[in-house]
N, C-alpha and C. Protein backbone atom coordinates (compact mmCIF):
# COMPACT_ATOMS: atom_id res chain seq x y z
N MET A 1 -5.08 8.06 9.88
CA MET A 1 -6.01 7.29 10.12
C MET A 1 -6.67 8.22 11.77
N SER A 2 -7.25 8.49 11.56
CA SER A 2 -7.93 9.29 12.91
C SER A 2 -9.44 8.64 13.27
N GLU A 3 -9.90 7.87 12.28
CA GLU A 3 -11.05 7.05 12.68
C GLU A 3 -10.60 6.01 13.08
N LYS A 4 -11.48 5.33 14.39
CA LYS A 4 -10.79 4.10 15.12
C LYS A 4 -11.18 3.13 14.17
N LEU A 5 -10.50 2.05 14.00
CA LEU A 5 -10.53 0.68 13.25
C LEU A 5 -11.53 0.14 14.11
N ARG A 6 -12.49 -0.70 13.46
CA ARG A 6 -13.06 -1.94 14.39
C ARG A 6 -12.05 -2.77 15.20
N ARG A 7 -12.55 -3.48 16.00
CA ARG A 7 -12.04 -3.93 17.07
C ARG A 7 -11.23 -5.40 16.06
N GLY A 8 -9.99 -5.52 16.54
CA GLY A 8 -9.42 -6.72 15.92
C GLY A 8 -8.75 -6.50 14.85
N PHE A 9 -9.03 -5.27 14.05
CA PHE A 9 -8.53 -5.04 12.68
C PHE A 9 -6.98 -4.97 12.43
N LYS A 10 -6.50 -4.55 13.72
CA LYS A 10 -4.85 -4.55 13.45
C LYS A 10 -4.34 -5.74 13.42
N ALA A 11 -4.90 -6.79 14.04
CA ALA A 11 -4.45 -8.13 14.16
C ALA A 11 -4.79 -8.65 13.16
N GLU A 12 -5.73 -8.52 12.26
CA GLU A 12 -6.28 -9.08 11.17
C GLU A 12 -5.41 -8.76 9.96
N ALA A 13 -4.94 -7.45 10.13
CA ALA A 13 -3.97 -6.89 9.04
C ALA A 13 -2.58 -7.59 9.37
N GLU A 14 -2.06 -7.93 10.52
CA GLU A 14 -1.09 -8.63 10.66
C GLU A 14 -0.95 -9.98 9.91
N ARG A 15 -2.30 -10.79 10.31
CA ARG A 15 -2.22 -11.90 9.73
C ARG A 15 -2.17 -12.00 8.22
N TYR A 16 -2.55 -11.07 7.52
CA TYR A 16 -2.98 -11.26 6.41
C TYR A 16 -1.55 -10.96 5.84
N ALA A 17 -0.71 -10.28 6.57
CA ALA A 17 0.67 -9.78 6.04
C ALA A 17 1.59 -10.91 6.21
N THR A 18 1.13 -11.91 7.47
CA THR A 18 2.08 -13.05 7.47
C THR A 18 1.83 -14.09 6.36
N GLU A 19 0.34 -14.05 6.45
CA GLU A 19 -0.11 -15.24 5.71
C GLU A 19 0.45 -15.24 4.21
N PHE A 20 0.27 -13.93 3.39
CA PHE A 20 0.88 -13.94 2.19
C PHE A 20 2.40 -13.98 2.24
N ARG A 21 2.89 -13.64 3.12
CA ARG A 21 4.45 -14.10 3.16
C ARG A 21 4.86 -15.42 3.02
N GLU A 22 4.31 -16.16 4.26
CA GLU A 22 4.08 -17.65 3.90
C GLU A 22 4.01 -18.30 2.75
N GLU A 23 3.06 -17.97 2.03
CA GLU A 23 2.37 -18.32 0.77
C GLU A 23 3.52 -18.30 -0.34
N LEU A 24 4.00 -16.86 -0.08
CA LEU A 24 5.14 -16.42 -1.55
C LEU A 24 6.51 -17.11 -0.82
N GLY A 25 6.85 -17.92 0.11
CA GLY A 25 7.96 -18.17 0.63
C GLY A 25 8.92 -17.29 1.28
N ILE A 26 8.28 -15.94 1.99
CA ILE A 26 8.92 -15.11 2.30
C ILE A 26 9.09 -15.04 3.86
N ARG A 27 10.17 -14.77 4.64
CA ARG A 27 10.20 -14.44 5.86
C ARG A 27 9.02 -13.36 6.41
N ALA A 28 8.55 -13.44 7.47
CA ALA A 28 7.65 -12.27 8.26
C ALA A 28 8.34 -11.45 8.39
N SER A 29 9.65 -11.36 8.42
CA SER A 29 10.28 -10.14 8.59
C SER A 29 11.27 -9.44 7.42
N TYR A 30 10.84 -10.10 6.52
CA TYR A 30 11.37 -9.70 5.15
C TYR A 30 10.45 -8.77 4.02
N PRO A 31 11.09 -7.85 3.51
CA PRO A 31 10.14 -6.91 2.44
C PRO A 31 9.73 -8.01 1.57
N LEU A 32 8.38 -7.30 1.25
CA LEU A 32 7.32 -7.86 0.01
C LEU A 32 6.95 -6.92 -1.06
N ASP A 33 7.33 -7.27 -2.19
CA ASP A 33 7.40 -6.39 -3.38
C ASP A 33 5.73 -6.42 -3.55
N MET A 34 4.86 -5.32 -3.82
CA MET A 34 3.26 -5.21 -3.89
C MET A 34 3.21 -5.97 -5.23
N PHE A 35 4.05 -5.89 -6.24
CA PHE A 35 3.64 -6.05 -7.88
C PHE A 35 3.72 -7.73 -7.58
N LEU A 36 4.54 -8.35 -6.86
CA LEU A 36 4.64 -9.63 -6.61
C LEU A 36 3.58 -10.35 -5.97
N LEU A 37 3.03 -9.48 -5.03
CA LEU A 37 1.67 -9.97 -4.35
C LEU A 37 0.51 -9.72 -5.22
N ALA A 38 0.46 -8.60 -6.14
CA ALA A 38 -0.54 -8.61 -7.20
C ALA A 38 -0.75 -9.59 -7.90
N GLY A 39 0.73 -10.17 -8.39
CA GLY A 39 0.58 -11.54 -9.55
C GLY A 39 0.21 -12.75 -8.28
N HIS A 40 0.27 -12.72 -7.22
CA HIS A 40 -0.04 -13.61 -6.24
C HIS A 40 -1.33 -13.74 -6.15
N LEU A 41 -1.95 -12.47 -6.15
CA LEU A 41 -3.57 -12.48 -6.04
C LEU A 41 -4.29 -12.29 -7.25
N ALA A 42 -3.56 -12.56 -8.39
CA ALA A 42 -4.24 -12.47 -9.90
C ALA A 42 -4.69 -11.23 -9.91
N ILE A 43 -4.35 -10.18 -9.63
CA ILE A 43 -4.92 -8.79 -9.75
C ILE A 43 -3.86 -8.29 -10.70
N PRO A 44 -4.41 -7.96 -12.16
CA PRO A 44 -3.71 -7.31 -12.99
C PRO A 44 -3.43 -5.74 -12.60
N THR A 45 -2.04 -5.45 -13.17
CA THR A 45 -1.48 -4.09 -13.30
C THR A 45 -1.19 -3.15 -14.33
N LEU A 46 -1.41 -2.45 -14.48
CA LEU A 46 -1.02 -1.50 -15.57
C LEU A 46 -0.45 -0.20 -15.51
N ALA A 47 1.05 -0.07 -15.84
CA ALA A 47 1.43 1.24 -15.78
C ALA A 47 0.84 2.33 -16.24
N LEU A 48 0.34 3.52 -15.95
CA LEU A 48 0.12 4.60 -16.38
C LEU A 48 0.94 4.53 -17.95
N SER A 49 2.48 4.63 -18.28
CA SER A 49 2.72 4.81 -19.40
C SER A 49 2.40 3.87 -20.38
N GLN A 50 1.68 2.64 -20.25
CA GLN A 50 1.43 1.93 -21.05
C GLN A 50 -0.11 2.42 -21.85
N LEU A 51 -0.76 3.50 -21.32
CA LEU A 51 -1.80 4.03 -21.84
C LEU A 51 -1.39 5.26 -22.48
N GLN A 52 -0.24 5.72 -22.58
CA GLN A 52 0.06 6.92 -23.31
C GLN A 52 -0.40 7.30 -24.60
N GLY A 53 -0.23 6.32 -25.41
CA GLY A 53 -0.94 6.41 -26.71
C GLY A 53 -2.53 6.48 -26.94
N GLU A 54 -3.24 5.87 -25.81
CA GLU A 54 -4.54 5.23 -25.95
C GLU A 54 -5.45 6.27 -25.16
N MET A 55 -4.78 7.66 -24.90
CA MET A 55 -5.46 8.77 -24.34
C MET A 55 -4.98 10.22 -24.75
N ASN A 56 -5.89 11.21 -24.68
CA ASN A 56 -5.61 12.40 -24.86
C ASN A 56 -4.33 13.05 -24.29
N ALA A 57 -3.28 13.63 -25.07
CA ALA A 57 -1.80 13.86 -24.49
C ALA A 57 -2.13 14.80 -23.33
N LEU A 58 -2.99 15.98 -23.29
CA LEU A 58 -3.14 16.68 -22.32
C LEU A 58 -3.50 15.99 -21.02
N ASN A 59 -4.79 15.10 -21.39
CA ASN A 59 -5.09 14.53 -20.21
C ASN A 59 -3.97 13.40 -19.46
N TYR A 60 -3.18 12.80 -20.30
CA TYR A 60 -1.79 11.87 -19.91
C TYR A 60 -0.93 12.69 -19.18
N GLN A 61 -0.53 14.27 -19.83
CA GLN A 61 0.31 15.05 -19.24
C GLN A 61 -0.17 15.47 -17.67
N SER A 62 -1.69 15.73 -17.74
CA SER A 62 -2.49 16.17 -16.30
C SER A 62 -2.15 14.93 -15.45
N LEU A 63 -2.24 13.99 -15.58
CA LEU A 63 -2.06 12.67 -14.61
C LEU A 63 -0.62 12.53 -14.30
N THR A 64 0.00 12.96 -15.05
CA THR A 64 1.66 12.35 -14.86
C THR A 64 2.59 13.62 -14.36
N ASN A 65 1.91 14.82 -14.26
CA ASN A 65 2.57 15.94 -13.95
C ASN A 65 2.60 16.31 -12.35
N ALA A 66 3.91 16.46 -11.92
CA ALA A 66 3.76 16.39 -10.16
C ALA A 66 2.69 17.66 -9.82
N SER A 67 2.00 17.45 -9.09
CA SER A 67 0.82 18.73 -9.06
C SER A 67 0.19 17.94 -7.36
N LYS A 68 -0.24 18.97 -6.99
CA LYS A 68 -1.52 18.40 -5.81
C LYS A 68 -2.32 17.42 -6.20
N LYS A 69 -2.86 17.60 -7.66
CA LYS A 69 -3.69 16.58 -8.11
C LYS A 69 -3.04 15.65 -8.88
N GLN A 70 -1.86 15.21 -8.49
CA GLN A 70 -1.50 14.25 -9.53
C GLN A 70 -2.00 12.75 -9.06
N PHE A 71 -2.34 11.94 -10.08
CA PHE A 71 -2.71 10.49 -10.10
C PHE A 71 -1.47 9.74 -9.59
N PHE A 72 -2.08 8.97 -8.78
CA PHE A 72 -1.17 7.73 -8.03
C PHE A 72 -1.56 6.06 -8.55
N ALA A 73 -2.71 6.06 -8.19
CA ALA A 73 -3.07 4.55 -8.58
C ALA A 73 -4.60 4.30 -8.15
N VAL A 74 -5.33 3.48 -9.05
CA VAL A 74 -6.64 3.51 -9.07
C VAL A 74 -7.22 1.92 -9.23
N THR A 75 -8.21 1.49 -8.67
CA THR A 75 -8.55 0.28 -8.98
C THR A 75 -9.92 0.20 -9.64
N LEU A 76 -9.59 -0.35 -10.99
CA LEU A 76 -10.65 -0.35 -11.99
C LEU A 76 -11.25 -1.77 -12.04
N PHE A 77 -12.86 -1.80 -12.35
CA PHE A 77 -13.35 -2.91 -12.36
C PHE A 77 -13.78 -3.72 -13.71
N VAL A 78 -13.49 -4.61 -14.27
CA VAL A 78 -13.82 -4.89 -15.47
C VAL A 78 -14.66 -6.11 -15.26
N GLY A 79 -16.03 -5.94 -14.96
CA GLY A 79 -16.92 -6.97 -14.66
C GLY A 79 -16.86 -7.01 -13.36
N LYS A 80 -16.50 -7.68 -12.76
CA LYS A 80 -16.17 -8.18 -11.02
C LYS A 80 -14.71 -8.42 -10.90
N ARG A 81 -14.10 -8.44 -11.76
CA ARG A 81 -12.49 -8.50 -11.88
C ARG A 81 -11.56 -7.18 -11.88
N ARG A 82 -10.86 -6.98 -10.70
CA ARG A 82 -10.25 -5.88 -10.33
C ARG A 82 -8.80 -5.85 -10.91
N HIS A 83 -8.67 -4.71 -11.64
CA HIS A 83 -7.39 -4.35 -12.24
C HIS A 83 -6.70 -3.05 -11.73
N ILE A 84 -5.57 -2.90 -11.55
CA ILE A 84 -4.87 -1.47 -10.45
C ILE A 84 -3.93 -1.04 -11.78
N VAL A 85 -4.52 0.28 -12.07
CA VAL A 85 -3.51 1.24 -12.82
C VAL A 85 -2.69 2.15 -12.05
N PHE A 86 -1.48 2.08 -12.23
CA PHE A 86 -0.70 2.90 -11.41
C PHE A 86 -0.06 3.95 -12.15
N ASN A 87 0.46 4.81 -11.57
CA ASN A 87 1.48 5.83 -11.92
C ASN A 87 3.01 5.55 -11.91
N ASP A 88 3.77 5.28 -12.80
CA ASP A 88 5.09 4.44 -13.12
C ASP A 88 5.89 5.81 -13.51
N HIS A 89 5.38 7.26 -13.27
CA HIS A 89 6.14 8.53 -13.44
C HIS A 89 6.63 8.89 -11.84
N VAL A 90 6.07 8.08 -10.88
CA VAL A 90 6.62 8.54 -9.60
C VAL A 90 7.39 7.65 -9.15
N ALA A 91 8.23 7.65 -7.78
CA ALA A 91 9.22 7.26 -7.19
C ALA A 91 8.55 5.86 -7.00
N VAL A 92 9.72 4.82 -6.98
CA VAL A 92 9.25 3.08 -6.91
C VAL A 92 8.87 2.86 -5.47
N THR A 93 9.14 3.86 -4.50
CA THR A 93 8.74 3.77 -3.22
C THR A 93 7.09 4.19 -3.20
N ARG A 94 7.03 5.40 -4.01
CA ARG A 94 5.65 5.75 -4.06
C ARG A 94 4.84 4.61 -4.65
N GLN A 95 5.27 4.13 -5.81
CA GLN A 95 4.59 3.08 -6.22
C GLN A 95 4.24 1.79 -5.41
N GLN A 96 5.14 1.76 -4.82
CA GLN A 96 5.21 0.22 -3.42
C GLN A 96 3.87 0.74 -2.70
N SER A 97 3.81 1.92 -2.25
CA SER A 97 2.78 2.29 -1.18
C SER A 97 1.51 2.38 -1.92
N ASP A 98 1.19 2.93 -3.02
CA ASP A 98 0.08 3.14 -3.98
C ASP A 98 -0.40 1.53 -4.09
N MET A 99 0.46 1.03 -4.72
CA MET A 99 0.11 -0.80 -4.78
C MET A 99 -0.45 -1.14 -3.44
N ALA A 100 0.25 -1.12 -2.46
CA ALA A 100 -0.13 -1.68 -1.07
C ALA A 100 -1.46 -1.30 -0.91
N HIS A 101 -1.66 -0.01 -0.98
CA HIS A 101 -3.01 0.49 -0.64
C HIS A 101 -4.29 -0.14 -1.35
N GLU A 102 -3.80 -0.17 -2.47
CA GLU A 102 -5.12 -0.62 -3.88
C GLU A 102 -5.28 -2.23 -3.58
N LEU A 103 -4.07 -2.86 -3.38
CA LEU A 103 -4.27 -4.20 -3.34
C LEU A 103 -5.02 -4.47 -1.65
N SER A 104 -4.91 -3.54 -0.49
CA SER A 104 -5.53 -3.93 0.48
C SER A 104 -6.83 -3.51 0.21
N HIS A 105 -7.57 -2.81 -0.73
CA HIS A 105 -8.90 -2.49 -1.12
C HIS A 105 -9.60 -4.06 -1.26
N ALA A 106 -8.63 -4.66 -2.09
CA ALA A 106 -9.06 -5.88 -2.58
C ALA A 106 -8.90 -7.13 -1.69
N ILE A 107 -7.88 -7.02 -0.77
CA ILE A 107 -7.79 -8.03 0.13
C ILE A 107 -9.12 -7.98 1.04
N LEU A 108 -9.34 -6.74 1.48
CA LEU A 108 -10.52 -6.57 2.43
C LEU A 108 -11.79 -6.49 1.85
N GLY A 109 -11.88 -6.69 0.62
CA GLY A 109 -13.26 -7.32 -0.42
C GLY A 109 -14.08 -5.65 -0.49
N HIS A 110 -13.61 -4.38 -0.44
CA HIS A 110 -14.13 -3.65 -0.25
C HIS A 110 -14.81 -3.41 -1.91
N PRO A 111 -15.96 -2.95 -1.84
CA PRO A 111 -16.77 -2.64 -3.02
C PRO A 111 -16.28 -1.62 -3.97
N ALA A 112 -16.78 -1.70 -5.32
CA ALA A 112 -16.40 -0.74 -6.09
C ALA A 112 -17.79 0.34 -5.88
N SER A 113 -16.85 1.27 -6.30
CA SER A 113 -17.71 2.66 -6.13
C SER A 113 -17.58 3.45 -7.14
N GLU A 114 -18.14 4.41 -7.63
CA GLU A 114 -17.94 5.37 -8.62
C GLU A 114 -16.91 6.15 -8.62
N LEU A 115 -16.29 6.81 -9.56
CA LEU A 115 -14.97 7.46 -9.06
C LEU A 115 -15.66 9.03 -8.74
N THR A 116 -16.76 9.17 -9.24
CA THR A 116 -17.25 10.62 -8.70
C THR A 116 -18.92 10.70 -8.19
N ASP A 117 -18.98 11.53 -7.53
CA ASP A 117 -20.16 11.61 -7.05
C ASP A 117 -21.28 12.77 -7.88
N SER A 118 -22.25 12.71 -7.47
CA SER A 118 -23.23 13.59 -8.61
C SER A 118 -23.00 14.96 -8.68
N SER A 119 -21.93 15.79 -7.82
CA SER A 119 -21.36 16.86 -7.69
C SER A 119 -19.77 17.01 -8.48
N GLY A 120 -19.41 15.65 -9.01
CA GLY A 120 -18.04 15.72 -9.50
C GLY A 120 -17.01 15.62 -8.75
N GLY A 121 -17.34 15.31 -7.20
CA GLY A 121 -16.37 15.25 -6.58
C GLY A 121 -15.97 13.92 -6.40
N ARG A 122 -14.99 13.58 -5.67
CA ARG A 122 -14.34 12.21 -5.77
C ARG A 122 -15.21 11.46 -4.48
N HIS A 123 -15.71 10.17 -4.68
CA HIS A 123 -16.60 9.34 -3.72
C HIS A 123 -15.35 9.20 -2.50
N TYR A 124 -15.40 9.24 -1.41
CA TYR A 124 -14.45 8.94 -0.38
C TYR A 124 -15.21 8.53 0.87
N ASN A 125 -14.83 7.04 1.16
CA ASN A 125 -15.20 6.32 2.45
C ASN A 125 -14.69 6.33 3.29
N LYS A 126 -14.64 7.06 4.49
CA LYS A 126 -13.54 7.55 5.30
C LYS A 126 -13.19 6.10 5.85
N THR A 127 -14.19 4.91 6.51
CA THR A 127 -13.69 4.08 6.94
C THR A 127 -13.03 3.02 6.30
N LEU A 128 -13.55 3.06 4.78
CA LEU A 128 -12.52 1.77 3.70
C LEU A 128 -11.18 2.19 3.59
N GLU A 129 -11.12 3.84 3.52
CA GLU A 129 -9.85 4.14 3.39
C GLU A 129 -9.20 4.00 4.63
N ASP A 130 -9.27 4.07 5.58
CA ASP A 130 -8.58 4.07 6.96
C ASP A 130 -8.29 2.44 6.88
N GLU A 131 -9.22 1.70 6.52
CA GLU A 131 -8.78 0.27 6.51
C GLU A 131 -7.48 0.22 5.71
N ALA A 132 -7.96 0.55 4.35
CA ALA A 132 -6.68 0.26 3.54
C ALA A 132 -5.46 0.72 3.75
N ALA A 133 -5.52 1.86 4.31
CA ALA A 133 -4.54 2.80 5.02
C ALA A 133 -3.61 1.54 6.20
N CYS A 134 -4.41 1.49 6.94
CA CYS A 134 -3.91 0.67 7.83
C CYS A 134 -3.10 -0.55 7.55
N LEU A 135 -3.90 -1.63 6.54
CA LEU A 135 -3.42 -2.91 6.01
C LEU A 135 -2.32 -2.30 5.26
N SER A 136 -2.37 -1.36 4.29
CA SER A 136 -1.33 -1.11 3.34
C SER A 136 0.05 -1.04 4.19
N GLY A 137 0.17 -0.11 5.32
CA GLY A 137 1.40 -0.25 6.20
C GLY A 137 2.04 -1.35 6.71
N VAL A 138 0.89 -2.22 7.06
CA VAL A 138 1.32 -3.59 7.69
C VAL A 138 2.07 -4.72 6.46
N LEU A 139 1.18 -4.46 5.59
CA LEU A 139 1.86 -5.25 4.08
C LEU A 139 3.33 -4.71 4.04
N LEU A 140 3.38 -3.54 4.03
CA LEU A 140 4.90 -3.23 3.55
C LEU A 140 5.76 -3.36 4.55
N VAL A 141 5.36 -3.00 5.95
CA VAL A 141 6.29 -3.59 7.06
C VAL A 141 5.65 -4.10 8.35
N PRO A 142 5.30 -5.60 8.33
CA PRO A 142 4.52 -5.90 9.55
C PRO A 142 5.15 -5.97 10.68
N LYS A 143 4.73 -6.09 11.79
CA LYS A 143 5.29 -5.93 13.03
C LYS A 143 6.50 -6.53 13.27
N ALA A 144 6.78 -8.37 12.65
CA ALA A 144 7.73 -8.74 12.70
C ALA A 144 8.94 -8.26 12.28
N ALA A 145 8.76 -7.37 11.13
CA ALA A 145 10.01 -6.92 10.18
C ALA A 145 10.42 -5.48 10.91
N ALA A 146 9.30 -4.84 11.45
CA ALA A 146 9.50 -3.63 12.35
C ALA A 146 10.47 -3.95 13.55
N ILE A 147 10.15 -5.18 14.08
CA ILE A 147 10.74 -5.54 15.33
C ILE A 147 12.22 -6.20 14.94
N ALA A 148 12.39 -6.47 13.68
CA ALA A 148 13.80 -7.15 13.32
C ALA A 148 14.62 -5.60 12.87
N VAL A 149 13.84 -4.66 12.31
CA VAL A 149 14.65 -3.60 12.26
C VAL A 149 15.27 -2.96 13.36
N VAL A 150 14.50 -2.62 14.24
CA VAL A 150 15.12 -2.28 15.58
C VAL A 150 16.14 -2.91 16.32
N ALA A 151 15.49 -4.02 16.37
CA ALA A 151 16.51 -5.26 17.04
C ALA A 151 17.77 -5.13 16.85
N SER A 152 18.23 -4.49 14.95
CA SER A 152 19.16 -4.76 14.54
C SER A 152 20.06 -3.70 14.51
N ASN A 153 19.40 -2.39 15.33
CA ASN A 153 19.73 -1.08 15.29
C ASN A 153 20.08 -0.64 13.88
N LYS A 154 19.16 -1.19 12.82
CA LYS A 154 19.45 -0.32 11.39
C LYS A 154 18.97 1.22 11.48
N HIS A 155 19.60 2.05 10.57
CA HIS A 155 18.85 2.94 10.72
C HIS A 155 17.69 2.96 9.96
N PRO A 156 16.35 3.85 10.16
CA PRO A 156 15.55 3.78 9.51
C PRO A 156 15.76 3.87 7.89
N LEU A 157 16.47 4.74 7.60
CA LEU A 157 16.40 5.18 6.16
C LEU A 157 17.36 4.07 5.50
N VAL A 158 18.10 3.18 6.29
CA VAL A 158 18.46 2.21 5.37
C VAL A 158 17.62 0.87 5.45
N ALA A 159 16.99 0.60 6.37
CA ALA A 159 15.59 -0.41 6.19
C ALA A 159 14.56 0.16 4.86
N ALA A 160 14.27 1.25 5.36
CA ALA A 160 13.18 2.19 4.25
C ALA A 160 13.80 1.68 2.75
N ASN A 161 15.18 1.80 2.78
CA ASN A 161 15.87 1.41 1.32
C ASN A 161 15.55 -0.18 0.91
N GLU A 162 15.90 -0.92 1.89
CA GLU A 162 15.79 -2.32 1.90
C GLU A 162 14.33 -2.85 1.74
N PHE A 163 13.29 -1.94 2.11
CA PHE A 163 12.12 -2.49 1.98
C PHE A 163 11.38 -1.86 0.75
N ASN A 164 12.02 -1.15 -0.06
CA ASN A 164 11.50 -0.09 -0.74
C ASN A 164 10.54 0.82 -0.77
N ILE A 165 10.62 1.41 0.45
CA ILE A 165 9.85 2.14 0.87
C ILE A 165 10.17 3.66 1.17
N SER A 166 9.35 4.55 1.58
CA SER A 166 10.04 5.92 1.96
C SER A 166 10.33 5.79 3.47
N LEU A 167 10.93 6.56 3.71
CA LEU A 167 11.61 6.73 5.21
C LEU A 167 10.45 7.17 6.00
N GLN A 168 9.32 8.21 5.57
CA GLN A 168 8.17 8.13 6.30
C GLN A 168 7.31 7.14 6.63
N MET A 169 7.10 6.29 5.44
CA MET A 169 6.33 4.99 5.79
C MET A 169 7.28 4.15 6.87
N MET A 170 8.88 3.83 6.61
CA MET A 170 9.20 3.12 7.52
C MET A 170 9.16 3.82 8.92
N THR A 171 9.48 5.01 9.31
CA THR A 171 9.44 5.75 10.47
C THR A 171 7.83 5.45 11.27
N MET A 172 6.73 5.62 10.33
CA MET A 172 5.50 5.63 10.51
C MET A 172 4.93 4.34 11.26
N ARG A 173 5.56 3.14 10.51
CA ARG A 173 5.51 1.72 10.65
C ARG A 173 6.43 1.26 12.17
N LEU A 174 7.44 1.75 12.43
CA LEU A 174 8.26 1.48 13.30
C LEU A 174 7.67 1.87 14.67
N ASN A 175 6.87 3.02 14.44
CA ASN A 175 6.20 3.78 15.65
C ASN A 175 4.87 3.23 15.91
N GLN A 176 3.81 2.81 14.53
CA GLN A 176 2.66 2.18 14.93
C GLN A 176 2.96 0.48 15.31
N SER A 177 3.63 -0.03 14.92
CA SER A 177 4.09 -1.43 15.44
C SER A 177 4.45 -1.47 16.76
N GLY A 178 4.96 -0.65 17.41
CA GLY A 178 5.19 -0.76 18.61
C GLY A 178 6.67 -1.28 18.82
N ALA A 179 7.56 -1.41 17.83
CA ALA A 179 8.84 -2.33 17.83
C ALA A 179 9.67 -1.71 18.85
N LYS A 180 9.75 -0.46 18.90
CA LYS A 180 10.67 0.44 19.66
C LYS A 180 10.51 0.00 21.15
N ARG A 181 9.28 0.18 21.72
CA ARG A 181 8.81 -0.33 22.99
C ARG A 181 9.09 -1.77 23.28
N ILE A 182 8.75 -2.36 22.29
CA ILE A 182 8.93 -4.07 22.34
C ILE A 182 10.48 -4.34 22.84
N ILE A 183 11.30 -3.53 21.73
CA ILE A 183 12.78 -3.87 21.78
C ILE A 183 13.42 -3.06 23.22
N GLY A 184 12.77 -2.20 23.44
CA GLY A 184 13.25 -1.65 24.35
C GLY A 184 13.04 -2.18 25.64
N TYR A 185 11.71 -2.97 26.02
CA TYR A 185 11.66 -3.82 27.34
C TYR A 185 12.56 -5.05 27.35
N GLY A 186 12.90 -5.29 26.09
CA GLY A 186 13.86 -6.67 26.05
C GLY A 186 15.53 -6.02 26.23
N ARG A 187 15.59 -4.92 26.20
CA ARG A 187 17.19 -4.41 26.38
C ARG A 187 17.47 -4.15 28.11
């Protein structure tokens, strides 16, 4: 996230993470499964493997093979209703992260866009993608959870496993949230 987010955005992201956990009866410092959140938000999800028989075998293989251009997730609009298609051939930790990102676009009310531009390249709005990246990290590990992890002296890998996310995501959130600094002041 190199672009500066609008003023107050990070606090807004924390409010969303807390609000959804409250609505689902989950403590602010506990993990939140992104598929549970999708259900709560009434956003249907579809695993790529469910489409295997519906598409050309070479296209399916291309989408599921590990490569630089591997497919992870996309939000499709059917009318005004969002649906998320995700690659269930990747690690569950990656699925959680991808779902969090796509759900963030929905939560923030980001508009639909064409998948490709006139040159065949992918449409990419840096501001919207930076917002979704920030919110997705906070949904996965809000500040309260990061503080709880640091306060418990839990190894980040153990915490990552508990939250069903990658070590990289947990480390990023422990750093971004300021949890280490906050707990450091309290000790």
